């Protein structure tokens, strides 16, 4: 991330519509997910066909991209996020 980058410029978190737990807009979601210790964090996702997904965790300056080509079986990214990423976030 560049020193001048601001998550707030990308997505206005003070927008009252962002208080929804799951907000959808053209393949983009704003979710609240449970972290370790039953805390929560906002997660922005962009979801495409076949498992193409981008997860942005603004509170942690963390961005994870998946480039799957998976149309017939369960996709890896939700499982990876749930079992490998969320447990290590405080």
N, C-alpha and C. Protein backbone atom coordinates (compact mmCIF):
# COMPACT_ATOMS: atom_id res chain seq x y z
N UNK A 1 0.84 -1.17 0.00
CA UNK A 1 0.00 0.00 0.00
C UNK A 1 0.89 1.24 0.00
N UNK A 2 0.51 2.21 -0.80
CA UNK A 2 1.27 3.44 -0.81
C UNK A 2 0.93 4.26 0.44
N UNK A 3 1.84 5.09 0.86
CA UNK A 3 1.65 5.87 2.08
C UNK A 3 0.45 6.80 1.97
N UNK A 4 0.11 7.26 0.77
CA UNK A 4 -1.01 8.17 0.59
C UNK A 4 -2.36 7.49 0.39
N UNK A 5 -2.38 6.15 0.38
CA UNK A 5 -3.63 5.43 0.14
C UNK A 5 -4.54 5.54 1.35
N UNK A 6 -5.83 5.69 1.09
CA UNK A 6 -6.81 5.78 2.17
C UNK A 6 -7.99 4.88 1.87
N UNK A 7 -8.28 3.95 2.78
CA UNK A 7 -9.46 3.10 2.60
C UNK A 7 -10.72 3.93 2.58
N UNK A 8 -10.74 5.02 3.35
CA UNK A 8 -11.93 5.85 3.42
C UNK A 8 -12.27 6.49 2.07
N UNK A 9 -11.25 6.77 1.26
CA UNK A 9 -11.50 7.33 -0.07
C UNK A 9 -12.12 6.28 -0.98
N UNK A 10 -11.77 5.02 -0.75
CA UNK A 10 -12.30 3.95 -1.59
C UNK A 10 -13.76 3.66 -1.27
N UNK A 11 -14.12 3.66 0.00
CA UNK A 11 -15.47 3.33 0.41
C UNK A 11 -15.85 4.19 1.60
N UNK A 12 -16.89 4.99 1.49
CA UNK A 12 -17.26 5.87 2.60
C UNK A 12 -17.94 5.09 3.73
N UNK A 13 -17.17 4.67 4.73
CA UNK A 13 -17.74 3.90 5.82
C UNK A 13 -18.71 4.71 6.68
N UNK A 14 -18.64 6.03 6.59
CA UNK A 14 -19.58 6.82 7.37
C UNK A 14 -20.93 6.95 6.68
N UNK A 15 -21.05 6.36 5.49
CA UNK A 15 -22.33 6.34 4.79
C UNK A 15 -23.31 5.47 5.57
N UNK A 16 -24.48 5.99 5.93
CA UNK A 16 -25.42 5.23 6.76
C UNK A 16 -25.84 3.90 6.14
N UNK A 17 -25.79 3.75 4.83
CA UNK A 17 -26.16 2.48 4.20
C UNK A 17 -25.20 1.36 4.59
N UNK A 18 -24.00 1.70 5.02
CA UNK A 18 -23.01 0.69 5.37
C UNK A 18 -23.26 0.05 6.72
N UNK A 19 -24.30 0.46 7.43
CA UNK A 19 -24.63 -0.17 8.69
C UNK A 19 -25.31 -1.52 8.48
N UNK A 20 -25.70 -1.82 7.24
CA UNK A 20 -26.29 -3.13 6.97
C UNK A 20 -25.21 -4.19 7.08
N UNK A 21 -25.57 -5.35 7.63
CA UNK A 21 -24.60 -6.42 7.79
C UNK A 21 -24.16 -6.95 6.43
N UNK A 22 -25.09 -7.19 5.52
CA UNK A 22 -24.76 -7.64 4.17
C UNK A 22 -25.38 -6.65 3.19
N UNK A 23 -24.53 -5.92 2.49
CA UNK A 23 -25.02 -4.93 1.53
C UNK A 23 -24.50 -5.33 0.15
N UNK A 24 -25.37 -5.39 -0.84
CA UNK A 24 -25.00 -5.87 -2.16
C UNK A 24 -25.10 -4.75 -3.18
N UNK A 25 -24.13 -4.72 -4.11
CA UNK A 25 -24.19 -3.76 -5.21
C UNK A 25 -23.36 -4.31 -6.35
N UNK A 26 -24.00 -4.90 -7.35
CA UNK A 26 -23.34 -5.35 -8.58
C UNK A 26 -22.13 -6.26 -8.35
N UNK A 27 -22.29 -7.31 -7.57
CA UNK A 27 -21.19 -8.23 -7.34
C UNK A 27 -20.27 -7.83 -6.21
N UNK A 28 -20.55 -6.70 -5.59
CA UNK A 28 -19.75 -6.24 -4.45
C UNK A 28 -20.59 -6.34 -3.19
N UNK A 29 -19.98 -6.80 -2.13
CA UNK A 29 -20.68 -6.95 -0.85
C UNK A 29 -19.90 -6.26 0.24
N UNK A 30 -20.60 -5.73 1.22
CA UNK A 30 -20.00 -5.27 2.46
C UNK A 30 -20.59 -6.18 3.53
N UNK A 31 -19.71 -6.92 4.18
CA UNK A 31 -20.16 -7.90 5.17
C UNK A 31 -19.51 -7.60 6.51
N UNK A 32 -20.12 -8.12 7.54
CA UNK A 32 -19.50 -8.12 8.85
C UNK A 32 -19.24 -9.57 9.20
N UNK A 33 -17.97 -9.91 9.42
CA UNK A 33 -17.58 -11.29 9.69
C UNK A 33 -17.01 -11.39 11.09
N UNK A 34 -17.17 -12.57 11.70
CA UNK A 34 -16.67 -12.82 13.05
C UNK A 34 -15.21 -13.22 13.01
N UNK A 35 -14.40 -12.55 13.83
CA UNK A 35 -12.98 -12.86 13.95
C UNK A 35 -12.74 -13.68 15.21
N UNK A 36 -11.49 -13.95 15.52
CA UNK A 36 -11.18 -14.70 16.73
C UNK A 36 -11.67 -13.91 17.95
N UNK A 37 -12.04 -14.60 18.99
CA UNK A 37 -12.52 -13.95 20.19
C UNK A 37 -13.90 -13.34 20.03
N UNK A 38 -14.64 -13.76 19.01
CA UNK A 38 -15.99 -13.26 18.73
C UNK A 38 -16.06 -11.78 18.42
N UNK A 39 -14.95 -11.19 17.98
CA UNK A 39 -14.98 -9.83 17.49
C UNK A 39 -15.55 -9.83 16.08
N UNK A 40 -15.77 -8.67 15.52
CA UNK A 40 -16.25 -8.58 14.15
C UNK A 40 -15.41 -7.57 13.37
N UNK A 41 -15.41 -7.72 12.06
CA UNK A 41 -14.73 -6.79 11.18
C UNK A 41 -15.52 -6.66 9.89
N UNK A 42 -15.47 -5.47 9.29
CA UNK A 42 -16.11 -5.28 7.99
C UNK A 42 -15.20 -5.85 6.91
N UNK A 43 -15.83 -6.53 5.96
CA UNK A 43 -15.11 -7.12 4.84
C UNK A 43 -15.81 -6.70 3.57
N UNK A 44 -15.06 -6.19 2.62
CA UNK A 44 -15.60 -5.82 1.31
C UNK A 44 -15.20 -6.93 0.36
N UNK A 45 -16.17 -7.48 -0.37
CA UNK A 45 -15.85 -8.52 -1.34
C UNK A 45 -16.36 -8.13 -2.71
N UNK A 46 -15.61 -8.50 -3.71
CA UNK A 46 -16.02 -8.41 -5.10
C UNK A 46 -16.01 -9.84 -5.62
N UNK A 47 -17.15 -10.28 -6.14
CA UNK A 47 -17.30 -11.69 -6.49
C UNK A 47 -17.66 -11.84 -7.96
N UNK A 48 -16.89 -12.69 -8.64
CA UNK A 48 -17.13 -12.94 -10.05
C UNK A 48 -17.41 -14.41 -10.31
N UNK A 49 -17.58 -14.74 -11.55
CA UNK A 49 -17.92 -16.11 -11.96
C UNK A 49 -16.78 -17.07 -11.68
N UNK A 50 -17.13 -18.29 -11.30
CA UNK A 50 -16.15 -19.35 -11.16
C UNK A 50 -15.21 -19.24 -9.98
N UNK A 51 -15.50 -18.35 -9.05
CA UNK A 51 -14.66 -18.23 -7.87
C UNK A 51 -13.69 -17.07 -7.89
N UNK A 52 -13.82 -16.17 -8.85
CA UNK A 52 -12.99 -14.98 -8.86
C UNK A 52 -13.47 -14.08 -7.72
N UNK A 53 -12.63 -13.88 -6.73
CA UNK A 53 -13.05 -13.10 -5.56
C UNK A 53 -11.92 -12.23 -5.05
N UNK A 54 -12.33 -11.09 -4.53
CA UNK A 54 -11.42 -10.16 -3.89
C UNK A 54 -11.99 -9.87 -2.51
N UNK A 55 -11.20 -10.07 -1.49
CA UNK A 55 -11.59 -9.79 -0.11
C UNK A 55 -10.74 -8.63 0.40
N UNK A 56 -11.37 -7.60 0.90
CA UNK A 56 -10.66 -6.45 1.44
C UNK A 56 -11.06 -6.30 2.91
N UNK A 57 -10.07 -6.30 3.78
CA UNK A 57 -10.27 -6.12 5.21
C UNK A 57 -9.68 -4.76 5.58
N UNK A 58 -10.46 -3.67 5.48
CA UNK A 58 -9.92 -2.32 5.67
C UNK A 58 -9.25 -2.10 7.03
N UNK A 59 -9.81 -2.68 8.07
CA UNK A 59 -9.29 -2.49 9.42
C UNK A 59 -7.87 -3.04 9.56
N UNK A 60 -7.53 -4.00 8.73
CA UNK A 60 -6.22 -4.66 8.81
C UNK A 60 -5.31 -4.32 7.63
N UNK A 61 -5.75 -3.45 6.73
CA UNK A 61 -4.99 -3.15 5.51
C UNK A 61 -4.61 -4.44 4.79
N UNK A 62 -5.58 -5.33 4.67
CA UNK A 62 -5.36 -6.65 4.09
C UNK A 62 -6.24 -6.85 2.87
N UNK A 63 -5.65 -7.32 1.79
CA UNK A 63 -6.36 -7.61 0.56
C UNK A 63 -5.96 -9.02 0.11
N UNK A 64 -6.96 -9.86 -0.18
CA UNK A 64 -6.69 -11.23 -0.63
C UNK A 64 -7.47 -11.46 -1.92
N UNK A 65 -6.80 -11.94 -2.96
CA UNK A 65 -7.43 -12.21 -4.25
C UNK A 65 -7.38 -13.69 -4.56
N UNK A 66 -8.48 -14.21 -5.10
CA UNK A 66 -8.56 -15.60 -5.54
C UNK A 66 -8.89 -15.61 -7.02
N UNK A 67 -8.19 -16.42 -7.77
CA UNK A 67 -8.46 -16.58 -9.20
C UNK A 67 -8.74 -18.04 -9.48
N UNK A 68 -9.93 -18.47 -9.12
CA UNK A 68 -10.34 -19.85 -9.36
C UNK A 68 -11.02 -19.95 -10.73
N UNK A 69 -11.06 -21.14 -11.23
CA UNK A 69 -11.84 -21.44 -12.43
C UNK A 69 -12.66 -22.67 -12.08
N UNK A 70 -13.62 -22.45 -11.21
CA UNK A 70 -14.33 -23.54 -10.58
C UNK A 70 -15.83 -23.33 -10.73
N UNK A 71 -16.44 -24.03 -11.65
CA UNK A 71 -17.86 -23.84 -11.92
C UNK A 71 -18.72 -25.01 -11.45
N UNK A 72 -18.10 -26.13 -11.03
CA UNK A 72 -18.90 -27.32 -10.73
C UNK A 72 -18.76 -27.85 -9.32
N UNK A 73 -17.77 -27.41 -8.56
CA UNK A 73 -17.58 -27.90 -7.19
C UNK A 73 -17.49 -26.71 -6.24
N UNK A 74 -17.58 -26.96 -4.94
CA UNK A 74 -17.49 -25.84 -3.99
C UNK A 74 -16.19 -25.05 -4.17
N UNK A 75 -16.29 -23.76 -4.00
CA UNK A 75 -15.14 -22.90 -4.19
C UNK A 75 -14.28 -22.85 -2.93
N UNK A 76 -13.00 -22.63 -3.12
CA UNK A 76 -12.02 -22.67 -2.04
C UNK A 76 -12.04 -21.41 -1.18
N UNK A 77 -12.24 -20.26 -1.77
CA UNK A 77 -12.02 -19.01 -1.04
C UNK A 77 -12.87 -18.84 0.22
N UNK A 78 -14.18 -19.13 0.22
CA UNK A 78 -14.92 -18.94 1.48
C UNK A 78 -14.38 -19.81 2.61
N UNK A 79 -14.00 -21.04 2.30
CA UNK A 79 -13.44 -21.94 3.30
C UNK A 79 -12.09 -21.43 3.81
N UNK A 80 -11.25 -20.97 2.89
CA UNK A 80 -9.94 -20.43 3.27
C UNK A 80 -10.09 -19.22 4.18
N UNK A 81 -10.97 -18.31 3.82
CA UNK A 81 -11.19 -17.11 4.64
C UNK A 81 -11.70 -17.52 6.02
N UNK A 82 -12.70 -18.38 6.06
CA UNK A 82 -13.32 -18.78 7.32
C UNK A 82 -12.35 -19.54 8.23
N UNK A 83 -11.56 -20.46 7.66
CA UNK A 83 -10.74 -21.33 8.50
C UNK A 83 -9.29 -20.87 8.67
N UNK A 84 -8.78 -20.04 7.77
CA UNK A 84 -7.37 -19.65 7.85
C UNK A 84 -7.14 -18.17 8.15
N UNK A 85 -8.04 -17.31 7.72
CA UNK A 85 -7.83 -15.86 7.90
C UNK A 85 -8.55 -15.32 9.13
N UNK A 86 -9.86 -15.54 9.21
CA UNK A 86 -10.63 -14.97 10.32
C UNK A 86 -10.13 -15.39 11.70
N UNK A 87 -9.69 -16.65 11.89
CA UNK A 87 -9.21 -17.03 13.21
C UNK A 87 -7.95 -16.26 13.68
N UNK A 88 -7.15 -15.72 12.77
CA UNK A 88 -5.93 -15.03 13.20
C UNK A 88 -6.12 -13.52 13.33
N UNK A 89 -7.29 -13.02 12.96
CA UNK A 89 -7.56 -11.59 13.10
C UNK A 89 -8.11 -11.33 14.50
N UNK A 90 -7.57 -10.32 15.16
CA UNK A 90 -8.03 -9.97 16.52
C UNK A 90 -8.90 -8.74 16.48
